[in-house]
């Protein structure tokens, strides 16, 4: 649905089809044991389908080399006798055909048994739209949640605590939602309560992808196996040709390259927990070392000269061949492979800076961070809205998921063997925003007719996820982080960019960190430490 969130597919045998949406263990063999409504995270009950590559504990999704020719029809849909239309406020992309002329939208309503409307806003403008909506008091049934001041109070005032409906075995009433990986539910968990449904994705954080066609022209014909930081710098030098305006990397250095350098140099994943006492990466010596190293990369023209000020040019430079390395979310890898098959897009595993194996990956959340909450209402209405969300979260191998992902045959896709191939009408008819409501496109690895990339992604995740490190305050709330913290982060990033291009030096960093502590950092630290003690 939304191009940022879809890696679609599965593979079924006749025996697997017969299994349907049943099972009491996940694909890593972990039994279900929580009691309904226990207040814990939801029990996971995956849609049991034998994959070509098995799921691996730690967040590695199963891999599939083909799409099922005969998806399974889910029981209970379309729902009969649903009440009034469902309203929603969601992040959306480009303008699409309205429901009145959108046969894909109409077919989803027919298949689900629900009528629904979407008020959509671009992600860059969404926070402002959400705040205006909340201030007006007319809250839609489904609302995508981003950081706003006083978030716990906002959730408690306007939205339903879903813990009694979804925690433990209670979620088994909604098999689609029950198939979502357990870690994903932490995204919509605030201070111990489940407030929303997120779109699951592998928690791979930022990855360093590269254009294999450009690497080959520079003499690199295989995925580089980097032993240390010097190997990384040598790779950047080899693919840089500044005289012809070709550079290794184009990403905003503060938002992308410095975080990658911090991984290689062994910095904390934002916060480090030492027995309940938190230290931020800003406060470590390695932070200054990372900024200084990226500044040296900029001086040597490994970074595009405009990367510091024209961050939006990053993808354009990559597409036009001005840069060969692109830092991005994991889900983007498969998308570029499908869009540009001749690029031979791969991913580099970053090394520890001083050698000794791969760097510990700074893991992200196991899904898209803006989860979807349900407006306060009667128990009957809440269950009805959960049933609609359950439809949108239909697992792979079902007719419902196939419809949501690909639309109507002949109009939105054609088949090549058992694989669906998208047609142009997909771009105008795709229903906006609903992919964020638990869509499981990225819970598997699948690229049509490309077994090779599925294997590459699978091996990459097997390498980086088990040893990755998480942010210890994940799932905890700090009002300072949500308010003053946002402005302070912008200020810190601005200084990083000034140091990278040489207008400031790392000697300016310590004074700015002191200001960060006094303005927000110490408050964040205390609030997060208090929340840690209550876990």
Protein backbone atom coordinates (compact mmCIF):
# COMPACT_ATOMS: atom_id res chain seq x y z
CA UNK A 1 0.00 0.00 0.00
CA UNK A 2 2.57 2.54 1.07
CA UNK A 3 5.84 1.96 -0.78
CA UNK A 4 7.86 2.44 2.43
CA UNK A 5 6.24 -0.52 4.09
CA UNK A 6 5.93 -3.39 1.63
CA UNK A 7 7.96 -6.51 1.03
CA UNK A 8 5.20 -8.84 -0.03
CA UNK A 9 4.86 -12.56 -0.39
CA UNK A 10 4.69 -16.13 0.82
CA UNK A 11 4.66 -19.66 -0.51
CA UNK A 12 2.04 -22.34 0.18
CA UNK A 13 1.81 -26.07 -0.27
CA UNK A 14 -1.53 -27.88 -0.21
CA UNK A 15 -0.79 -29.11 3.31
CA UNK A 16 0.06 -25.61 4.49
CA UNK A 17 -3.14 -24.25 2.98
CA UNK A 18 -5.13 -26.78 4.97
CA UNK A 19 -3.45 -25.55 8.16
CA UNK A 20 -5.13 -22.14 7.82
CA UNK A 21 -4.82 -19.54 10.57
CA UNK A 22 -4.11 -22.01 13.33
CA UNK A 23 -1.25 -23.04 15.56
CA UNK A 24 -0.04 -22.60 19.12
CA UNK A 25 3.67 -22.11 18.56
CA UNK A 26 5.57 -19.54 16.60
CA UNK A 27 7.98 -20.48 13.84
CA UNK A 28 10.90 -20.46 16.26
CA UNK A 29 9.15 -23.04 18.43
CA UNK A 30 8.22 -20.80 21.35
CA UNK A 31 4.98 -22.02 23.01
CA UNK A 32 2.05 -19.76 23.85
CA UNK A 33 1.47 -19.64 27.60
CA UNK A 34 0.03 -16.24 28.54
CA UNK A 35 -3.50 -16.03 29.89
CA UNK A 36 -6.10 -13.85 28.24
CA UNK A 37 -6.08 -10.26 29.45
CA UNK A 38 -2.98 -10.79 31.57
CA UNK A 39 -1.63 -7.31 30.89
CA UNK A 40 1.37 -8.72 29.05
CA UNK A 41 2.27 -8.30 25.41
CA UNK A 42 0.04 -10.22 23.00
CA UNK A 43 0.70 -13.90 22.43
CA UNK A 44 2.01 -14.49 18.95
CA UNK A 45 0.17 -17.04 16.81
CA UNK A 46 1.73 -16.89 13.35
CA UNK A 47 0.02 -17.96 10.16
CA UNK A 48 1.90 -21.25 9.85
CA UNK A 49 3.18 -21.55 6.28
CA UNK A 50 6.32 -23.50 5.43
CA UNK A 51 8.81 -20.93 4.11
CA UNK A 52 11.73 -21.51 1.76
CA UNK A 53 13.96 -19.96 4.43
CA UNK A 54 12.85 -20.38 8.06
CA UNK A 55 12.26 -17.59 10.52
CA UNK A 56 15.16 -17.10 12.94
CA UNK A 57 14.84 -15.86 16.51
CA UNK A 58 15.83 -12.23 16.96
CA UNK A 59 13.70 -10.73 14.21
CA UNK A 60 14.86 -12.49 11.02
CA UNK A 61 11.72 -12.99 8.90
CA UNK A 62 11.07 -16.12 6.85
CA UNK A 63 11.99 -15.96 3.17
CA UNK A 64 9.82 -16.94 0.22
CA UNK A 65 10.85 -17.47 -3.39
CA UNK A 66 7.36 -17.43 -4.92
CA UNK A 67 3.86 -16.20 -4.16
CA UNK A 68 1.00 -18.67 -3.56
CA UNK A 69 -1.15 -19.39 -6.58
CA UNK A 70 -4.25 -20.02 -4.46
CA UNK A 71 -4.41 -17.84 -1.32
CA UNK A 72 -6.59 -19.04 1.57
CA UNK A 73 -9.96 -17.42 2.28
CA UNK A 74 -10.12 -16.21 5.89
CA UNK A 75 -13.11 -17.12 8.00
CA UNK A 76 -15.42 -14.36 9.25
CA UNK A 77 -15.04 -11.94 6.35
CA UNK A 78 -16.88 -10.07 5.08
CA UNK A 79 -18.32 -9.09 8.46
CA UNK A 80 -22.10 -9.00 8.41
CA UNK A 81 -24.11 -6.12 9.85
CA UNK A 82 -21.25 -3.73 10.59
CA UNK A 83 -22.38 -0.37 11.98
CA UNK A 84 -21.63 3.06 10.53
CA UNK A 85 -18.58 3.97 8.44
CA UNK A 86 -15.12 3.95 10.00
CA UNK A 87 -13.27 7.27 10.00
CA UNK A 88 -9.49 7.56 10.16
CA UNK A 89 -6.61 10.04 10.30
CA UNK A 90 -3.47 8.50 8.78
CA UNK A 91 -0.20 9.42 7.18
CA UNK A 92 -0.51 9.18 3.41
CA UNK A 93 1.48 9.79 0.27
CA UNK A 94 0.42 11.14 -3.08
CA UNK A 95 -3.19 11.93 -3.95
CA UNK A 96 -5.05 8.91 -5.29
CA UNK A 97 -8.40 8.26 -6.94
CA UNK A 98 -11.33 8.98 -4.58
CA UNK A 99 -13.39 6.08 -3.30
CA UNK A 100 -16.24 6.86 -5.70
CA UNK A 101 -14.04 5.96 -8.68
CA UNK A 102 -11.54 3.66 -6.96
CA UNK A 103 -12.45 0.02 -7.60
CA UNK A 104 -9.65 -1.22 -5.33
CA UNK A 105 -11.04 0.75 -2.37
CA UNK A 106 -14.55 -0.48 -3.14
CA UNK A 107 -13.36 -4.09 -3.33
CA UNK A 108 -11.67 -3.82 0.08
CA UNK A 109 -14.92 -2.54 1.57
CA UNK A 110 -16.81 -5.41 -0.03
CA UNK A 111 -14.33 -8.05 1.15
CA UNK A 112 -14.10 -6.71 4.72
CA UNK A 113 -17.75 -5.84 5.25
CA UNK A 114 -16.79 -2.35 6.49
CA UNK A 115 -17.12 1.05 4.87
CA UNK A 116 -14.31 3.42 5.74
CA UNK A 117 -12.93 6.85 4.94
CA UNK A 118 -9.38 8.15 5.20
CA UNK A 119 -8.27 11.68 6.03
CA UNK A 120 -4.67 11.70 4.88
CA UNK A 121 -1.71 13.98 5.55
CA UNK A 122 1.92 13.75 4.48
CA UNK A 123 4.18 12.51 7.27
CA UNK A 124 6.08 15.84 7.39
CA UNK A 125 2.84 17.67 8.19
CA UNK A 126 1.18 14.99 10.25
CA UNK A 127 2.10 16.08 13.78
CA UNK A 128 0.55 19.51 13.24
CA UNK A 129 -2.59 17.93 11.77
CA UNK A 130 -2.87 15.55 14.72
CA UNK A 131 -2.56 18.36 17.26
CA UNK A 132 -5.24 20.42 15.51
CA UNK A 133 -7.54 17.39 15.40
CA UNK A 134 -7.07 16.66 19.11
CA UNK A 135 -7.63 20.31 20.01
CA UNK A 136 -10.91 20.27 18.10
CA UNK A 137 -12.11 17.22 20.00
CA UNK A 138 -13.64 15.51 16.95
CA UNK A 139 -11.40 12.43 16.95
CA UNK A 140 -11.77 9.82 14.17
CA UNK A 141 -12.19 6.12 14.93
CA UNK A 142 -8.61 5.25 13.93
CA UNK A 143 -5.78 7.74 14.50
CA UNK A 144 -2.09 7.35 13.80
CA UNK A 145 -0.10 8.49 16.83
CA UNK A 146 3.13 10.49 16.74
CA UNK A 147 4.92 12.24 19.59
CA UNK A 148 2.90 15.08 21.09
CA UNK A 149 3.26 16.83 24.47
CA UNK A 150 1.68 14.96 27.37
CA UNK A 151 1.20 11.82 25.29
CA UNK A 152 0.07 9.47 28.12
CA UNK A 153 -2.66 11.94 29.09
CA UNK A 154 -3.70 12.38 25.44
CA UNK A 155 -4.02 8.63 25.00
CA UNK A 156 -6.00 8.25 28.21
CA UNK A 157 -8.39 11.07 27.27
CA UNK A 158 -9.19 10.19 23.67
CA UNK A 159 -8.26 6.57 23.02
CA UNK A 160 -8.99 3.04 24.21
CA UNK A 161 -6.56 1.09 26.36
CA UNK A 162 -6.36 -2.06 24.22
CA UNK A 163 -4.60 -4.14 26.87
CA UNK A 164 -7.73 -6.06 27.94
CA UNK A 165 -8.55 -6.86 24.31
CA UNK A 166 -5.10 -7.79 23.02
CA UNK A 167 -2.73 -8.81 25.82
CA UNK A 168 -1.82 -12.43 26.33
CA UNK A 169 -4.16 -14.93 24.70
CA UNK A 170 -6.97 -12.37 24.37
CA UNK A 171 -5.55 -11.45 20.95
CA UNK A 172 -6.46 -14.89 19.57
CA UNK A 173 -9.90 -13.47 18.84
CA UNK A 174 -8.15 -11.53 16.06
CA UNK A 175 -5.94 -14.01 14.13
CA UNK A 176 -4.51 -11.39 11.78
CA UNK A 177 -3.32 -9.21 14.64
CA UNK A 178 -2.10 -12.31 16.49
CA UNK A 179 0.31 -13.06 13.65
CA UNK A 180 2.17 -9.76 14.20
CA UNK A 181 5.61 -10.36 15.81
CA UNK A 182 5.70 -9.78 19.56
CA UNK A 183 8.40 -7.10 19.44
CA UNK A 184 6.22 -4.93 17.21
CA UNK A 185 3.64 -4.54 19.97
CA UNK A 186 6.19 -2.64 22.07
CA UNK A 187 5.85 0.27 19.63
CA UNK A 188 2.27 0.95 20.68
CA UNK A 189 2.96 0.21 24.34
CA UNK A 190 3.27 3.29 26.55
CA UNK A 191 4.11 2.82 30.21
CA UNK A 192 2.90 -0.76 30.26
CA UNK A 193 -0.40 -0.39 28.36
CA UNK A 194 -1.15 -1.28 24.75
CA UNK A 195 -2.45 1.81 22.98
CA UNK A 196 -2.14 0.92 19.33
CA UNK A 197 -1.33 -1.30 16.38
CA UNK A 198 1.89 -0.78 14.41
CA UNK A 199 3.05 -1.93 11.00
CA UNK A 200 5.70 -4.63 11.63
CA UNK A 201 9.15 -4.42 10.04
CA UNK A 202 12.52 -6.03 10.81
CA UNK A 203 14.31 -4.02 13.56
CA UNK A 204 17.37 -3.56 11.36
CA UNK A 205 17.77 0.18 11.90
CA UNK A 206 19.78 2.04 9.28
CA UNK A 207 21.51 -0.08 6.64
CA UNK A 208 24.23 0.85 4.14
CA UNK A 209 23.10 -0.18 0.66
CA UNK A 210 25.13 0.26 -2.51
CA UNK A 211 24.70 0.21 -6.26
CA UNK A 212 26.48 -2.87 -7.49
CA UNK A 213 26.67 -1.51 -11.04
CA UNK A 214 28.61 1.56 -9.87
CA UNK A 215 30.81 -0.48 -7.54
CA UNK A 216 31.68 -2.76 -10.48
CA UNK A 217 32.80 0.24 -12.55
CA UNK A 218 35.09 1.18 -9.65
CA UNK A 219 36.53 -2.34 -9.58
CA UNK A 220 34.46 -3.81 -6.72
CA UNK A 221 32.60 -6.83 -8.10
CA UNK A 222 31.56 -8.56 -4.86
CA UNK A 223 29.94 -7.34 -1.65
CA UNK A 224 32.85 -5.81 0.31
CA UNK A 225 33.86 -7.69 3.44
CA UNK A 226 35.19 -4.90 5.61
CA UNK A 227 37.63 -5.78 8.39
CA UNK A 228 37.89 -2.39 10.08
CA UNK A 229 37.36 1.35 9.68
CA UNK A 230 40.28 1.72 7.33
CA UNK A 231 38.71 -0.81 4.98
CA UNK A 232 35.53 1.25 5.08
CA UNK A 233 37.42 4.44 4.21
CA UNK A 234 39.33 2.65 1.44
CA UNK A 235 36.03 1.50 -0.04
CA UNK A 236 34.70 5.08 0.01
CA UNK A 237 37.88 6.33 -1.66
CA UNK A 238 37.69 3.68 -4.36
CA UNK A 239 34.16 4.63 -5.42
CA UNK A 240 34.78 8.40 -5.24
CA UNK A 241 35.67 10.35 -8.39
CA UNK A 242 35.28 13.95 -7.29
CA UNK A 243 36.72 15.33 -10.55
CA UNK A 244 33.68 13.91 -12.31
CA UNK A 245 31.27 14.82 -9.48
CA UNK A 246 30.91 11.23 -8.28
CA UNK A 247 30.97 10.70 -4.52
CA UNK A 248 30.59 7.71 -2.22
CA UNK A 249 27.71 8.94 -0.05
CA UNK A 250 25.06 11.66 -0.30
CA UNK A 251 23.14 11.27 2.96
CA UNK A 252 22.70 14.09 5.48
CA UNK A 253 25.77 13.48 7.67
CA UNK A 254 24.08 14.29 10.98
CA UNK A 255 21.07 12.08 10.38
CA UNK A 256 22.75 9.18 8.61
CA UNK A 257 26.55 9.04 8.34
CA UNK A 258 27.37 10.02 11.92
CA UNK A 259 24.97 7.37 13.31
CA UNK A 260 26.63 4.76 11.07
CA UNK A 261 30.05 5.89 12.33
CA UNK A 262 28.80 5.65 15.92
CA UNK A 263 27.89 2.02 15.28
CA UNK A 264 31.37 1.25 13.99
CA UNK A 265 32.99 3.01 16.93
CA UNK A 266 30.89 1.21 19.54
CA UNK A 267 28.71 4.05 20.85
CA UNK A 268 25.45 3.47 22.75
CA UNK A 269 22.20 3.20 20.84
CA UNK A 270 21.08 6.70 21.95
CA UNK A 271 21.03 5.88 25.68
CA UNK A 272 23.21 3.49 27.67
CA UNK A 273 21.86 1.91 30.85
CA UNK A 274 24.45 1.32 33.57
CA UNK A 275 22.49 -0.25 36.39
CA UNK A 276 19.61 2.20 36.11
CA UNK A 277 21.79 5.26 35.42
CA UNK A 278 21.47 6.53 31.86
CA UNK A 279 24.16 8.13 29.70
CA UNK A 280 23.35 9.61 26.30
CA UNK A 281 25.59 9.08 23.28
CA UNK A 282 26.04 12.88 23.13
CA UNK A 283 27.93 12.67 26.43
CA UNK A 284 30.48 10.09 25.32
CA UNK A 285 33.98 10.66 23.92
CA UNK A 286 33.15 8.41 21.00
CA UNK A 287 30.58 10.95 19.81
CA UNK A 288 33.24 13.57 19.18
CA UNK A 289 35.48 10.98 17.53
CA UNK A 290 32.66 9.96 15.18
CA UNK A 291 31.88 13.56 14.20
CA UNK A 292 35.57 14.25 13.61
CA UNK A 293 35.93 11.18 11.37
CA UNK A 294 32.91 12.14 9.28
CA UNK A 295 34.38 15.65 8.95
CA UNK A 296 37.53 14.07 7.52
CA UNK A 297 35.41 12.07 5.07
CA UNK A 298 33.76 15.29 3.94
CA UNK A 299 37.13 16.98 3.48
CA UNK A 300 38.28 14.08 1.30
CA UNK A 301 35.11 14.39 -0.85
CA UNK A 302 33.73 10.98 0.12
CA UNK A 303 30.50 12.81 0.95
CA UNK A 304 28.60 14.81 -1.66
CA UNK A 305 29.52 18.49 -1.14
CA UNK A 306 25.84 19.44 -0.85
CA UNK A 307 24.87 16.58 1.48
CA UNK A 308 25.07 18.92 4.43
CA UNK A 309 22.43 21.31 3.12
CA UNK A 310 20.39 19.50 0.45
CA UNK A 311 19.34 16.33 2.21
CA UNK A 312 16.39 15.90 -0.12
CA UNK A 313 18.85 15.43 -2.99
CA UNK A 314 20.14 12.19 -1.53
CA UNK A 315 17.93 9.78 -3.49
CA UNK A 316 18.22 11.91 -6.65
CA UNK A 317 22.01 11.70 -6.50
CA UNK A 318 21.80 7.93 -6.06
CA UNK A 319 19.39 7.56 -8.95
CA UNK A 320 21.49 9.75 -11.24
CA UNK A 321 24.78 7.99 -10.45
CA UNK A 322 26.35 10.81 -8.45
CA UNK A 323 26.60 8.59 -5.38
CA UNK A 324 26.87 4.81 -5.08
CA UNK A 325 26.14 4.29 -1.37
CA UNK A 326 22.73 5.00 0.15
CA UNK A 327 21.93 4.87 3.87
CA UNK A 328 18.30 3.92 4.39
CA UNK A 329 15.79 1.78 6.26
CA UNK A 330 15.91 -1.96 5.57
CA UNK A 331 12.51 -1.96 3.85
CA UNK A 332 13.85 0.32 1.13
CA UNK A 333 16.35 -2.27 -0.07
CA UNK A 334 13.77 -4.56 -1.68
CA UNK A 335 11.90 -1.60 -3.12
CA UNK A 336 14.94 -0.35 -5.03
CA UNK A 337 15.73 -3.88 -6.21
CA UNK A 338 12.28 -4.10 -7.77
CA UNK A 339 12.42 -0.59 -9.22
CA UNK A 340 15.99 -0.81 -10.58
CA UNK A 341 16.87 -4.49 -11.17
CA UNK A 342 19.99 -3.57 -13.19
CA UNK A 343 21.57 -1.78 -10.23
CA UNK A 344 22.35 -5.02 -8.38
CA UNK A 345 21.64 -3.34 -5.04
CA UNK A 346 23.43 -4.92 -2.08
CA UNK A 347 24.18 -4.05 1.55
CA UNK A 348 27.47 -3.66 3.38
CA UNK A 349 27.90 -5.02 6.89
CA UNK A 350 29.78 -2.34 8.81
CA UNK A 351 32.86 -3.43 10.79
CA UNK A 352 34.07 -2.50 14.24
CA UNK A 353 36.28 0.55 13.71
CA UNK A 354 39.38 -1.08 15.18
CA UNK A 355 38.62 -4.51 13.75
CA UNK A 356 37.39 -7.68 15.34
CA UNK A 357 34.23 -8.47 13.44
CA UNK A 358 30.98 -6.75 12.51
CA UNK A 359 29.93 -3.66 14.44
CA UNK A 360 27.00 -4.09 16.81
CA UNK A 361 23.98 -2.88 14.86
CA UNK A 362 21.94 -0.14 16.51
CA UNK A 363 18.56 -1.82 16.26
CA UNK A 364 15.45 0.18 15.60
CA UNK A 365 11.92 -0.62 16.66
CA UNK A 366 10.37 -3.70 15.07
CA UNK A 367 8.04 -1.70 12.87
CA UNK A 368 6.94 1.76 11.80
CA UNK A 369 7.01 4.05 14.83
CA UNK A 370 3.68 5.84 14.28
CA UNK A 371 1.13 3.30 15.53
CA UNK A 372 -2.64 3.45 15.12
CA UNK A 373 -4.94 3.94 18.12
CA UNK A 374 -8.68 3.38 18.48
CA UNK A 375 -11.02 6.13 19.64
CA UNK A 376 -12.74 5.67 23.00
CA UNK A 377 -16.15 4.08 22.65
CA UNK A 378 -18.33 1.20 23.71
CA UNK A 379 -16.90 -2.28 24.03
CA UNK A 380 -19.01 -3.35 21.05
CA UNK A 381 -17.63 -0.56 18.86
CA UNK A 382 -14.06 -1.22 20.00
CA UNK A 383 -14.35 -4.87 19.04
CA UNK A 384 -15.83 -3.91 15.69
CA UNK A 385 -12.91 -1.57 14.97
CA UNK A 386 -10.46 -4.26 16.06
CA UNK A 387 -12.10 -6.65 13.62
CA UNK A 388 -11.51 -4.15 10.81
CA UNK A 389 -7.88 -3.76 11.91
CA UNK A 390 -7.63 -7.56 11.97
CA UNK A 391 -8.71 -7.58 8.32
CA UNK A 392 -6.07 -5.00 7.39
CA UNK A 393 -3.46 -7.13 9.21
CA UNK A 394 -4.37 -10.29 7.27
CA UNK A 395 -1.35 -12.62 7.12
CA UNK A 396 0.47 -13.82 4.03
CA UNK A 397 -1.19 -16.59 2.14
CA UNK A 398 -4.71 -15.22 2.55
CA UNK A 399 -7.02 -13.82 -0.11
CA UNK A 400 -7.49 -10.75 2.06
CA UNK A 401 -3.78 -9.92 2.24
CA UNK A 402 -3.42 -10.54 -1.48
CA UNK A 403 -6.22 -8.08 -2.22
CA UNK A 404 -4.79 -5.47 0.14
CA UNK A 405 -1.33 -5.81 -1.36
CA UNK A 406 -2.03 -6.16 -5.06
CA UNK A 407 -5.59 -5.13 -5.85
CA UNK A 408 -7.63 -6.56 -8.70
CA UNK A 409 -6.16 -8.85 -11.35
CA UNK A 410 -6.07 -7.28 -14.79
CA UNK A 411 -6.53 -3.80 -13.34
CA UNK A 412 -3.73 -3.53 -10.77
CA UNK A 413 -1.58 -6.59 -11.47
CA UNK A 414 -0.93 -9.39 -13.90
CA UNK A 415 0.53 -12.79 -13.13
CA UNK A 416 3.82 -14.25 -14.24
CA UNK A 417 3.59 -17.79 -13.01
CA UNK A 418 2.36 -17.44 -9.43
CA UNK A 419 3.96 -14.03 -8.95
CA UNK A 420 1.89 -10.83 -9.21
CA UNK A 421 3.42 -8.03 -11.28
CA UNK A 422 2.09 -4.55 -10.61
CA UNK A 423 0.40 -2.48 -13.32
CA UNK A 424 0.30 1.35 -13.56
CA UNK A 425 -3.19 1.65 -12.05
CA UNK A 426 -1.68 0.58 -8.72
CA UNK A 427 -0.15 4.04 -8.35
CA UNK A 428 -3.46 5.87 -8.70
CA UNK A 429 -5.83 3.47 -6.93
CA UNK A 430 -3.84 2.32 -3.91
CA UNK A 431 -5.85 3.07 -0.76
CA UNK A 432 -3.88 5.61 1.30
CA UNK A 433 -2.61 5.03 4.82
CA UNK A 434 -4.25 1.72 5.70
CA UNK A 435 -0.94 -0.13 5.30
CA UNK A 436 0.13 1.39 8.62
CA UNK A 437 -2.62 -0.54 10.42
CA UNK A 438 -0.68 -3.73 11.08
CA UNK A 439 0.03 -4.60 7.44
CA UNK A 440 2.36 -7.58 7.38
CA UNK A 441 4.11 -6.94 4.07
CA UNK A 442 7.50 -6.71 5.76
CA UNK A 443 7.07 -9.73 8.02
CA UNK A 444 8.51 -11.87 5.24
CA UNK A 445 11.29 -11.50 2.69
CA UNK A 446 9.94 -11.72 -0.84
CA UNK A 447 10.80 -10.11 -4.15
CA UNK A 448 9.01 -11.51 -7.23
CA UNK A 449 11.26 -13.69 -9.37
CA UNK A 450 14.37 -12.77 -7.39
CA UNK A 451 15.47 -15.60 -5.15
CA UNK A 452 18.94 -14.09 -5.01
CA UNK A 453 17.91 -10.89 -3.22
CA UNK A 454 15.75 -12.84 -0.77
CA UNK A 455 18.80 -14.92 0.15
CA UNK A 456 21.00 -11.81 0.44
CA UNK A 457 18.56 -10.04 2.75
CA UNK A 458 18.08 -13.16 4.84
CA UNK A 459 21.82 -13.68 5.35
CA UNK A 460 22.33 -9.98 6.09
CA UNK A 461 19.67 -10.01 8.83
CA UNK A 462 21.01 -13.27 10.27
CA UNK A 463 24.39 -11.57 10.59
CA UNK A 464 23.37 -8.25 12.13
CA UNK A 465 20.25 -8.82 14.23
CA UNK A 466 21.34 -11.36 16.87
CA UNK A 467 24.25 -9.19 18.06
CA UNK A 468 22.45 -5.86 17.71
CA UNK A 469 21.84 -3.50 20.61
CA UNK A 470 18.59 -1.76 21.47
CA UNK A 471 17.82 1.62 22.96
CA UNK A 472 17.10 0.80 26.64
CA UNK A 473 14.34 3.41 26.90
CA UNK A 474 12.33 1.90 24.05
CA UNK A 475 8.66 1.82 25.08
CA UNK A 476 9.15 4.38 27.88
CA UNK A 477 7.77 7.91 27.81
CA UNK A 478 9.53 11.17 28.65
CA UNK A 479 7.59 14.39 28.23
CA UNK A 480 10.88 16.29 27.95
CA UNK A 481 11.97 14.04 25.08
CA UNK A 482 8.67 14.65 23.28
CA UNK A 483 8.74 18.43 23.74
CA UNK A 484 12.03 20.26 24.39
CA UNK A 485 13.95 17.19 23.21
CA UNK A 486 12.76 17.56 19.62
CA UNK A 487 14.04 21.14 19.31
CA UNK A 488 17.28 20.25 21.07
CA UNK A 489 17.92 17.37 18.67
CA UNK A 490 17.62 19.77 15.74
CA UNK A 491 20.11 22.12 17.40
CA UNK A 492 22.57 19.29 18.02
CA UNK A 493 22.26 18.05 14.44
CA UNK A 494 22.83 21.56 13.12
CA UNK A 495 26.07 21.78 15.09
CA UNK A 496 27.18 18.37 13.83
CA UNK A 497 26.74 19.57 10.25
CA UNK A 498 28.63 22.78 10.98
CA UNK A 499 31.54 20.73 12.36
CA UNK A 500 31.46 18.32 9.40
CA UNK A 501 31.86 21.13 6.84
CA UNK A 502 34.52 22.89 8.92
CA UNK A 503 32.66 25.98 10.08
CA UNK A 504 32.84 24.76 13.70
CA UNK A 505 35.14 22.34 15.49
CA UNK A 506 34.66 19.50 17.95
CA UNK A 507 35.85 21.92 20.65
CA UNK A 508 32.40 23.55 20.35
CA UNK A 509 30.69 20.27 21.12
CA UNK A 510 31.19 20.14 24.90
CA UNK A 511 29.58 23.54 25.47
CA UNK A 512 26.58 22.52 23.38
CA UNK A 513 26.23 19.26 25.31
CA UNK A 514 26.15 21.26 28.55
CA UNK A 515 23.32 23.37 27.12
CA UNK A 516 21.52 20.21 26.01
CA UNK A 517 21.76 18.79 29.54
CA UNK A 518 20.38 21.94 31.16
CA UNK A 519 17.61 22.51 28.61
CA UNK A 520 16.33 18.95 28.23
CA UNK A 521 18.88 16.16 28.67
CA UNK A 522 18.91 15.93 32.47
CA UNK A 523 15.11 16.09 32.54
CA UNK A 524 14.87 13.32 29.95
CA UNK A 525 17.37 11.25 31.89
CA UNK A 526 15.40 11.54 35.13
CA UNK A 527 12.06 10.78 33.49
CA UNK A 528 13.44 7.75 31.69
CA UNK A 529 15.24 6.51 34.81
CA UNK A 530 12.02 6.82 36.81
CA UNK A 531 10.18 4.86 34.11
CA UNK A 532 12.89 2.18 34.10
CA UNK A 533 12.44 1.67 37.83
CA UNK A 534 8.72 1.13 37.32
CA UNK A 535 9.13 -1.50 34.60
